[in-house]
Amino acid sequence: MNIPVVQIAKQPMNTKKTQPSKSSAASIQLPLEQISPSKLQPRSYFSPERMAELTESVKQHGVIQPILVRPFGKDHYELVAGERRYQAARAAGLTQVPAVVRDMNDAEALRYALMENLQREDLNPVEETEGILKLLELSLQTGRSEVISLLNQMSKADRGLADNVIRQEDRQAILSVFQSLGRLSPESFRTNRLPILNLPPDVRDAIRQGQINYTKGREIGKIKDADLRAEILKEASAESLSLREIRERINEQQQGTDRDALPTRMEAVTKKIKQLKVWDDPDKREKVEALLAEMEMLLSEE
């Protein structure tokens, strides 16, 4: 898809409402009240600190780089690219912003928004994964579960693990999406990005908010105990722990948990031996006696 070249616009003194040409690539001034945020926006988290900095800059200099919008009903427009600039303009009290208007369908609008954010490296791994999945859904005209199923089928066929049952048009649509984005392959996306969706919500949110990177989050996400996971997650974020340090903390905590649980396990085993009366079973009795002998020897060494 060809990305339009936008012109940098200065804030004009005239605030008169303008009716732009829908095919115009030049920027014009649009009232903020005529612009709505897009439901297809791949970004869902905006750093409060960076937004405050941008808002202050907009107060002083205005919006320098135009946003991109598409027609959305009569005298109304939907934001395609420039969400941060749009939000900063509203926070700064502006009534209008420079904008480029372009006709786009949903897939084109999402592709443009994704490419802009990916090129600027503004998307975190969670947003990137969700955005690419949404783009695949639009391109294939199907739901998320079917998209993931197609990616798995495509992978198995390419590795010779199954017959190629995926339709050629579906394969081409998938390849076209990744080629247009210019990063990741379908297989890399399947193996390195889709697992993000299976991480615990607290870990996923921490990655989304930039508190930890995906590699560290994946390690913390392996912890089944929710309380322990929350503790390690908090430490990793607050102390900027390395991946090695995170693994060491996890091992220390789990070993401590195992030590605390040992007396309880011993009591439970002893109780069960009595309840089942294992000495009445010759085979079990022999094994239990052997284990007891090992324990008695271990204790005598102390």
Protein backbone atom coordinates (compact mmCIF):
# COMPACT_ATOMS: atom_id res chain seq x y z
CA MET A 1 0.00 0.00 0.00
CA ASN A 2 1.32 3.43 -0.92
CA ILE A 3 1.62 5.77 2.06
CA PRO A 4 0.74 9.36 1.17
CA VAL A 5 3.32 12.06 1.66
CA VAL A 6 1.88 14.65 4.00
CA GLN A 7 2.86 18.29 4.10
CA ILE A 8 3.80 19.99 7.34
CA ALA A 9 1.21 22.62 8.05
CA LYS A 10 1.29 25.77 10.15
CA GLN A 11 -1.70 26.75 12.25
CA PRO A 12 -3.62 29.40 10.23
CA MET A 13 -5.22 32.43 11.85
CA ASN A 14 -8.52 31.74 10.10
CA THR A 15 -10.66 29.23 12.05
CA LYS A 16 -13.46 29.08 9.50
CA LYS A 17 -14.87 25.59 8.95
CA THR A 18 -13.37 23.99 5.84
CA GLN A 19 -14.85 21.41 3.51
CA PRO A 20 -11.85 19.48 2.14
CA SER A 21 -11.59 17.44 -1.03
CA LYS A 22 -11.71 13.74 -0.03
CA SER A 23 -8.85 12.92 -2.38
CA SER A 24 -6.66 15.78 -1.18
CA ALA A 25 -3.14 14.85 -0.03
CA ALA A 26 -2.48 18.36 1.28
CA SER A 27 -3.21 19.16 4.89
CA ILE A 28 -6.17 21.31 5.85
CA GLN A 29 -7.54 22.49 9.20
CA LEU A 30 -10.30 20.34 10.71
CA PRO A 31 -12.35 21.13 13.84
CA LEU A 32 -11.66 18.58 16.58
CA GLU A 33 -15.40 18.18 17.09
CA GLN A 34 -15.64 16.66 13.61
CA ILE A 35 -13.04 13.96 14.34
CA SER A 36 -13.66 10.69 16.18
CA PRO A 37 -11.00 8.22 17.43
CA SER A 38 -10.83 4.96 15.51
CA LYS A 39 -12.02 1.67 16.97
CA LEU A 40 -9.31 0.04 14.85
CA GLN A 41 -6.49 1.94 16.59
CA PRO A 42 -3.79 -0.68 17.36
CA ARG A 43 -2.45 1.32 20.31
CA SER A 44 -4.32 1.01 23.59
CA TYR A 45 -1.74 2.36 26.05
CA PHE A 46 -0.23 5.83 26.05
CA SER A 47 2.47 6.74 28.57
CA PRO A 48 1.09 9.51 30.83
CA GLU A 49 4.54 11.10 31.08
CA ARG A 50 5.08 11.22 27.31
CA MET A 51 1.54 12.48 26.74
CA ALA A 52 2.12 15.30 29.22
CA GLU A 53 5.31 16.29 27.38
CA LEU A 54 3.55 16.25 24.01
CA THR A 55 0.61 18.27 25.34
CA GLU A 56 2.98 20.95 26.64
CA SER A 57 4.72 21.05 23.26
CA VAL A 58 1.38 21.42 21.46
CA LYS A 59 0.41 24.27 23.77
CA GLN A 60 3.58 26.11 22.79
CA HIS A 61 3.96 25.21 19.10
CA GLY A 62 0.67 23.71 17.95
CA VAL A 63 0.36 20.42 16.04
CA ILE A 64 3.25 20.47 13.56
CA GLN A 65 2.73 17.15 11.76
CA PRO A 66 -0.80 16.63 10.33
CA ILE A 67 -2.91 13.71 11.46
CA LEU A 68 -4.51 11.36 8.91
CA VAL A 69 -8.29 10.91 8.80
CA ARG A 70 -10.86 9.28 6.53
CA PRO A 71 -14.42 10.48 5.76
CA PHE A 72 -16.94 9.05 8.20
CA GLY A 73 -20.46 10.24 7.53
CA LYS A 74 -21.48 13.77 6.60
CA ASP A 75 -19.00 16.44 7.73
CA HIS A 76 -17.34 13.94 10.04
CA TYR A 77 -14.03 12.08 10.00
CA GLU A 78 -12.44 9.06 11.68
CA LEU A 79 -8.85 9.20 12.89
CA VAL A 80 -6.48 6.84 11.08
CA ALA A 81 -3.05 7.94 12.31
CA GLY A 82 -1.95 10.51 14.87
CA GLU A 83 -3.84 9.45 18.01
CA ARG A 84 -1.27 11.02 20.36
CA ARG A 85 -1.33 14.32 18.48
CA TYR A 86 -5.13 14.28 18.47
CA GLN A 87 -5.34 13.61 22.22
CA ALA A 88 -2.66 16.21 22.98
CA ALA A 89 -4.53 18.82 20.92
CA ARG A 90 -7.69 18.17 22.92
CA ALA A 91 -5.79 18.34 26.22
CA ALA A 92 -4.10 21.57 25.11
CA GLY A 93 -7.46 23.19 24.41
CA LEU A 94 -7.10 23.49 20.62
CA THR A 95 -10.26 23.62 18.54
CA GLN A 96 -8.75 22.40 15.26
CA VAL A 97 -5.77 20.44 13.92
CA PRO A 98 -4.00 20.07 10.57
CA ALA A 99 -5.16 16.91 8.84
CA VAL A 100 -4.85 14.97 5.60
CA VAL A 101 -8.13 13.42 4.40
CA ARG A 102 -8.05 10.16 2.48
CA ASP A 103 -10.68 7.57 1.50
CA MET A 104 -9.85 4.17 3.05
CA ASN A 105 -11.64 0.96 3.91
CA ASP A 106 -11.16 -0.73 7.31
CA ALA A 107 -8.27 -2.97 6.20
CA GLU A 108 -6.42 -0.06 4.57
CA ALA A 109 -6.92 2.18 7.61
CA LEU A 110 -5.67 -0.47 10.02
CA ARG A 111 -2.71 -1.33 7.78
CA TYR A 112 -1.68 2.34 7.63
CA ALA A 113 -2.02 2.79 11.40
CA LEU A 114 0.00 -0.36 12.04
CA MET A 115 2.74 0.61 9.61
CA GLU A 116 3.04 4.11 11.04
CA ASN A 117 3.35 2.80 14.60
CA LEU A 118 5.69 -0.06 13.63
CA GLN A 119 7.97 2.27 11.69
CA ARG A 120 8.14 4.58 14.72
CA GLU A 121 8.44 1.56 17.06
CA ASP A 122 5.54 2.92 19.10
CA LEU A 123 3.71 -0.38 19.57
CA ASN A 124 4.54 -2.75 22.42
CA PRO A 125 4.51 -6.52 21.66
CA VAL A 126 0.94 -6.94 22.98
CA GLU A 127 -0.45 -4.15 20.80
CA GLU A 128 1.59 -5.35 17.84
CA THR A 129 0.20 -8.89 18.18
CA GLU A 130 -3.40 -7.75 18.59
CA GLY A 131 -3.07 -5.27 15.70
CA ILE A 132 -1.63 -7.80 13.27
CA LEU A 133 -4.29 -10.33 14.24
CA LYS A 134 -7.00 -7.73 13.57
CA LEU A 135 -5.44 -6.95 10.19
CA LEU A 136 -5.41 -10.67 9.33
CA GLU A 137 -9.06 -10.94 10.38
CA LEU A 138 -10.01 -8.09 8.05
CA SER A 139 -7.92 -9.43 5.16
CA LEU A 140 -9.25 -12.98 5.52
CA GLN A 141 -12.75 -11.82 6.51
CA THR A 142 -12.92 -14.23 9.42
CA GLY A 143 -12.52 -14.37 13.21
CA ARG A 144 -9.43 -14.58 15.42
CA SER A 145 -9.69 -18.31 16.19
CA GLU A 146 -9.92 -19.13 12.48
CA VAL A 147 -6.91 -16.90 11.73
CA ILE A 148 -4.83 -18.72 14.35
CA SER A 149 -6.03 -22.08 12.98
CA LEU A 150 -4.96 -21.06 9.46
CA LEU A 151 -1.52 -19.98 10.70
CA ASN A 152 -1.08 -23.36 12.42
CA GLN A 153 -2.24 -25.27 9.33
CA MET A 154 0.09 -23.24 7.13
CA SER A 155 3.03 -23.94 9.44
CA LYS A 156 2.40 -27.70 9.54
CA ALA A 157 2.10 -27.85 5.75
CA ASP A 158 5.31 -25.84 5.23
CA ARG A 159 7.18 -28.16 7.61
CA GLY A 160 5.81 -31.27 5.91
CA LEU A 161 3.92 -32.36 9.01
CA ALA A 162 0.50 -32.32 7.35
CA ASP A 163 -1.15 -32.08 3.95
CA ASN A 164 -1.56 -28.58 2.55
CA VAL A 165 -5.26 -28.03 3.26
CA ILE A 166 -5.12 -24.23 3.38
CA ARG A 167 -6.63 -22.50 0.35
CA GLN A 168 -4.20 -20.70 -1.94
CA GLU A 169 -6.12 -17.41 -1.64
CA ASP A 170 -5.92 -17.60 2.16
CA ARG A 171 -2.19 -18.34 2.04
CA GLN A 172 -1.64 -15.40 -0.30
CA ALA A 173 -3.69 -13.08 1.90
CA ILE A 174 -1.59 -14.03 4.95
CA LEU A 175 1.69 -13.55 3.10
CA SER A 176 0.50 -10.22 1.71
CA VAL A 177 -0.21 -8.87 5.20
CA PHE A 178 3.28 -9.67 6.49
CA GLN A 179 4.96 -8.44 3.31
CA SER A 180 3.13 -5.11 3.56
CA LEU A 181 4.22 -4.68 7.19
CA GLY A 182 7.83 -5.43 6.32
CA ARG A 183 8.63 -7.26 9.55
CA LEU A 184 8.03 -10.72 11.01
CA SER A 185 7.12 -13.76 8.96
CA PRO A 186 3.92 -15.79 9.49
CA GLU A 187 5.95 -18.49 11.28
CA SER A 188 7.86 -16.01 13.47
CA PHE A 189 4.59 -14.31 14.39
CA ARG A 190 2.99 -17.67 15.23
CA THR A 191 5.83 -18.89 17.45
CA ASN A 192 7.09 -15.64 19.01
CA ARG A 193 4.04 -13.38 19.20
CA LEU A 194 0.90 -15.51 19.55
CA PRO A 195 2.08 -16.96 22.92
CA ILE A 196 1.63 -13.46 24.33
CA LEU A 197 -2.12 -14.03 24.23
CA ASN A 198 -1.76 -16.94 26.65
CA LEU A 199 0.19 -15.01 29.30
CA PRO A 200 -1.60 -14.24 32.59
CA PRO A 201 -3.48 -10.89 32.40
CA ASP A 202 -1.23 -9.19 34.98
CA VAL A 203 1.90 -10.06 33.01
CA ARG A 204 0.29 -9.05 29.72
CA ASP A 205 -0.71 -5.68 31.18
CA ALA A 206 2.82 -5.09 32.50
CA ILE A 207 4.22 -5.67 29.00
CA ARG A 208 1.56 -3.43 27.49
CA GLN A 209 2.49 -0.59 29.86
CA GLY A 210 6.20 -1.00 29.23
CA GLN A 211 7.01 -2.11 32.80
CA ILE A 212 8.87 -5.20 31.54
CA ASN A 213 9.84 -6.54 28.14
CA TYR A 214 8.29 -9.60 26.53
CA THR A 215 11.22 -11.96 27.25
CA LYS A 216 11.06 -11.23 30.98
CA GLY A 217 7.27 -11.38 30.94
CA ARG A 218 7.33 -14.80 29.32
CA GLU A 219 9.59 -16.11 32.11
CA ILE A 220 7.40 -14.63 34.86
CA GLY A 221 4.28 -15.92 33.11
CA LYS A 222 5.43 -19.50 33.76
CA ILE A 223 4.79 -19.04 37.50
CA LYS A 224 1.49 -20.75 38.35
CA ASP A 225 1.12 -19.31 41.86
CA ALA A 226 -0.64 -15.95 41.40
CA ASP A 227 0.75 -14.40 44.59
CA LEU A 228 4.32 -15.43 43.80
CA ARG A 229 3.93 -14.22 40.22
CA ALA A 230 2.66 -10.82 41.40
CA GLU A 231 5.58 -10.52 43.82
CA ILE A 232 8.23 -11.34 41.19
CA LEU A 233 6.50 -9.09 38.66
CA LYS A 234 6.57 -6.17 41.07
CA GLU A 235 10.25 -6.73 41.88
CA ALA A 236 11.19 -7.09 38.20
CA SER A 237 9.52 -3.80 37.36
CA ALA A 238 10.63 -1.76 40.37
CA GLU A 239 14.23 -2.97 40.41
CA SER A 240 14.71 -3.39 36.63
CA LEU A 241 15.83 -6.98 37.17
CA SER A 242 17.70 -8.75 34.39
CA LEU A 243 16.40 -12.03 32.98
CA ARG A 244 19.06 -13.93 34.95
CA GLU A 245 18.10 -12.16 38.18
CA ILE A 246 14.41 -12.93 37.57
CA ARG A 247 15.19 -16.62 37.15
CA GLU A 248 17.25 -16.60 40.35
CA ARG A 249 14.43 -14.93 42.30
CA ILE A 250 11.94 -17.47 40.98
CA ASN A 251 14.18 -20.39 41.99
CA GLU A 252 14.75 -18.93 45.45
CA GLN A 253 11.05 -18.37 46.05
CA GLN A 254 10.04 -21.79 44.77
CA GLN A 255 12.69 -23.57 46.83
CA GLY A 256 11.48 -21.70 49.91
CA THR A 257 7.93 -22.75 49.15
CA ASP A 258 9.02 -26.38 48.77
CA ARG A 259 10.82 -26.26 52.16
CA ASP A 260 7.76 -24.82 53.87
CA ALA A 261 5.55 -27.50 52.36
CA LEU A 262 7.77 -30.46 53.37
CA PRO A 263 6.42 -30.94 56.94
CA THR A 264 2.86 -30.86 55.64
CA ARG A 265 3.69 -33.44 52.97
CA MET A 266 5.32 -35.72 55.56
CA GLU A 267 2.25 -35.60 57.78
CA ALA A 268 -0.06 -36.26 54.84
CA VAL A 269 1.95 -39.29 53.66
CA THR A 270 2.10 -40.78 57.17
CA LYS A 271 -1.66 -40.33 57.58
CA LYS A 272 -2.37 -41.94 54.23
CA ILE A 273 -0.12 -44.94 55.01
CA LYS A 274 -2.14 -45.57 58.18
CA GLN A 275 -5.50 -45.08 56.45
CA LEU A 276 -4.67 -47.49 53.62
CA LYS A 277 -2.93 -49.99 55.93
CA VAL A 278 -0.27 -50.62 53.29
CA TRP A 279 1.35 -53.27 55.52
CA ASP A 280 -1.56 -55.59 54.64
CA ASP A 281 -0.37 -55.65 51.01
CA PRO A 282 2.85 -57.71 50.71
CA ASP A 283 4.20 -55.80 47.69
CA LYS A 284 3.52 -52.35 49.18
CA ARG A 285 4.75 -53.44 52.61
CA GLU A 286 8.11 -54.44 51.15
CA LYS A 287 8.52 -51.11 49.33
CA VAL A 288 7.49 -49.07 52.37
CA GLU A 289 9.96 -50.98 54.57
CA ALA A 290 12.74 -50.23 52.06
CA LEU A 291 11.87 -46.53 52.05
CA LEU A 292 11.71 -46.43 55.85
CA ALA A 293 15.12 -48.06 56.03
CA GLU A 294 16.54 -45.33 53.78
CA MET A 295 14.97 -42.62 55.93
CA GLU A 296 16.29 -44.20 59.14
CA MET A 297 19.76 -44.37 57.64
CA LEU A 298 19.52 -40.72 56.54
CA LEU A 299 18.49 -39.65 60.04
CA SER A 300 21.23 -41.69 61.69
CA GLU A 301 23.85 -39.83 59.62
CA GLU A 302 22.73 -36.57 61.24
